[in-house]
Each structure stands twice: as C-alpha cells, then as structure tokens.
Protein backbone atom coordinates (compact mmCIF):
# COMPACT_ATOMS: atom_id res chain seq x y z
CA MET A 1 -25.20 2.81 54.09
CA ALA A 2 -23.99 6.40 54.18
CA THR A 3 -20.76 7.21 52.36
CA GLN A 4 -18.87 10.48 52.18
CA ILE A 5 -16.89 11.82 49.23
CA LYS A 6 -13.64 12.72 50.94
CA ARG A 7 -11.56 13.80 47.94
CA ILE A 8 -11.98 14.32 44.21
CA ALA A 9 -8.92 13.98 41.96
CA PRO A 10 -8.77 17.46 40.34
CA TYR A 11 -6.87 16.58 37.17
CA GLN A 12 -8.86 13.42 36.46
CA ALA A 13 -12.19 15.21 36.94
CA GLY A 14 -10.89 18.06 34.77
CA LYS A 15 -9.97 15.66 31.96
CA VAL A 16 -13.43 14.08 32.00
CA VAL A 17 -15.18 17.46 31.90
CA ALA A 18 -12.80 18.69 29.17
CA VAL A 19 -13.71 15.75 26.92
CA ILE A 20 -17.43 16.30 27.52
CA TYR A 21 -17.11 20.04 26.82
CA PHE A 22 -15.11 19.34 23.65
CA VAL A 23 -17.73 16.95 22.28
CA ILE A 24 -20.62 19.28 23.13
CA GLY A 25 -18.72 22.27 21.73
CA PHE A 26 -17.95 20.42 18.51
CA VAL A 27 -21.58 19.32 18.10
CA PHE A 28 -22.72 22.94 18.28
CA ALA A 29 -19.75 24.63 16.59
CA GLY A 30 -19.71 22.37 13.51
CA PRO A 31 -23.13 23.40 12.18
CA PHE A 32 -22.52 27.05 13.07
CA ALA A 33 -19.23 27.02 11.18
CA LEU A 34 -20.94 25.49 8.16
CA ILE A 35 -23.80 28.00 8.21
CA PHE A 36 -21.44 30.94 8.74
CA SER A 37 -19.14 29.84 5.91
CA LEU A 38 -22.10 29.73 3.49
CA ALA A 39 -23.26 33.23 4.40
CA PRO A 40 -22.61 36.01 1.89
CA ALA A 41 -20.19 38.83 2.71
CA ASP A 42 -21.78 41.63 4.70
CA ALA A 43 -22.05 45.32 3.72
CA HIS A 44 -18.59 46.05 5.13
CA GLY A 45 -17.02 43.32 3.04
CA ALA A 46 -16.37 40.98 5.98
CA SER A 47 -15.64 37.57 4.59
CA PRO A 48 -17.57 34.55 5.81
CA GLY A 49 -14.22 32.75 5.76
CA ARG A 50 -13.90 33.63 9.44
CA ALA A 51 -15.95 30.54 10.28
CA PHE A 52 -12.74 28.89 11.53
CA ILE A 53 -13.31 30.61 14.90
CA PHE A 54 -16.20 28.20 15.48
CA LEU A 55 -13.81 25.28 14.99
CA ILE A 56 -11.45 26.69 17.62
CA MET A 57 -14.21 27.09 20.21
CA PRO A 58 -14.44 23.40 21.25
CA PHE A 59 -10.74 23.48 22.13
CA LEU A 60 -11.23 26.64 24.19
CA TYR A 61 -14.25 25.10 25.95
CA ALA A 62 -12.21 21.98 26.74
CA LEU A 63 -9.31 24.04 28.10
CA ALA A 64 -11.65 26.14 30.25
CA GLY A 65 -13.38 22.97 31.50
CA LEU A 66 -10.06 21.40 32.45
CA ILE A 67 -8.82 24.47 34.30
CA PHE A 68 -12.00 25.47 36.13
CA THR A 69 -13.06 21.93 37.07
CA SER A 70 -9.60 21.29 38.51
CA ILE A 71 -9.81 24.52 40.52
CA PHE A 72 -13.29 23.69 41.83
CA CYS A 73 -12.19 20.16 42.79
CA MET A 74 -9.23 21.57 44.72
CA LEU A 75 -11.58 23.95 46.51
CA TYR A 76 -13.94 21.07 47.27
CA ASN A 77 -11.06 19.05 48.70
CA LEU A 78 -10.05 21.98 50.90
CA VAL A 79 -13.58 22.51 52.22
CA ALA A 80 -14.26 18.77 52.60
CA SER A 81 -11.10 18.31 54.67
CA ARG A 82 -12.34 20.91 57.16
CA PHE A 83 -16.11 20.44 57.18
CA GLY A 84 -16.68 16.99 55.72
CA GLY A 85 -17.54 15.94 52.21
CA ILE A 86 -20.81 15.44 50.41
CA GLU A 87 -22.67 12.53 51.93
CA ILE A 88 -24.47 10.03 49.72
CA GLN A 89 -26.50 6.97 50.57
CA LEU A 90 -25.87 3.73 48.71
CA SER A 91 -27.85 0.53 48.60
CA GLU A 92 -27.06 -2.84 47.07
CA ILE A 93 -29.21 -4.15 44.24
CA HIS A 94 -29.84 -7.87 44.25
CA ASP A 95 -30.23 -9.46 40.83
CA ASP A 96 -32.82 -12.21 40.78
C-alpha cells in the first residue's frame, strides 16, 4: 500500500528536533565544560571559568533546530502541495 506524506506540521517537527538537539548538545557540552573548567589559565591569563559557554550551547542548538526544522517543513509543505509528497510503502505485520 503506497502512502504519501502530504504535510508535516512545522512547529511540532521543530519541537521534536529541538529536544533531540538539546539532549545531544548537553551530552557533548557537559564533558567539554568540565574539562575546560579544569584547565589551567593560558599564557595570556585567560581564565578557564569561561566554560559556561559550553552549557549555553545546547540551548542554542535547540533554538537553531526549532527554527530551521520549522522552515524546512514549511518548504516541504510548499513543494509537496505542487509536486506531491514523499511516497512510502507500508505493509501490515500479522502477529502469530
């Protein structure tokens, strides 16, 4: 059975991607922030206390994911309304 994706809800898809980006960003940013905060000051006297930027990054990733995914979904909806959506084939699974 062939089915076509006619429309994707931009905001809902953006929220899902934002949550995924936040979690992935936090997983990577947490260890980097810890490592950077333990580093000694460099030759110019820059303090390793700037590690907080790594803790802000997951929020920025999530915001970018929300915005850009919503834009891409709106573009998909525009193109799909004129040329047709992505076609997928589904089959039923019978549990025995």
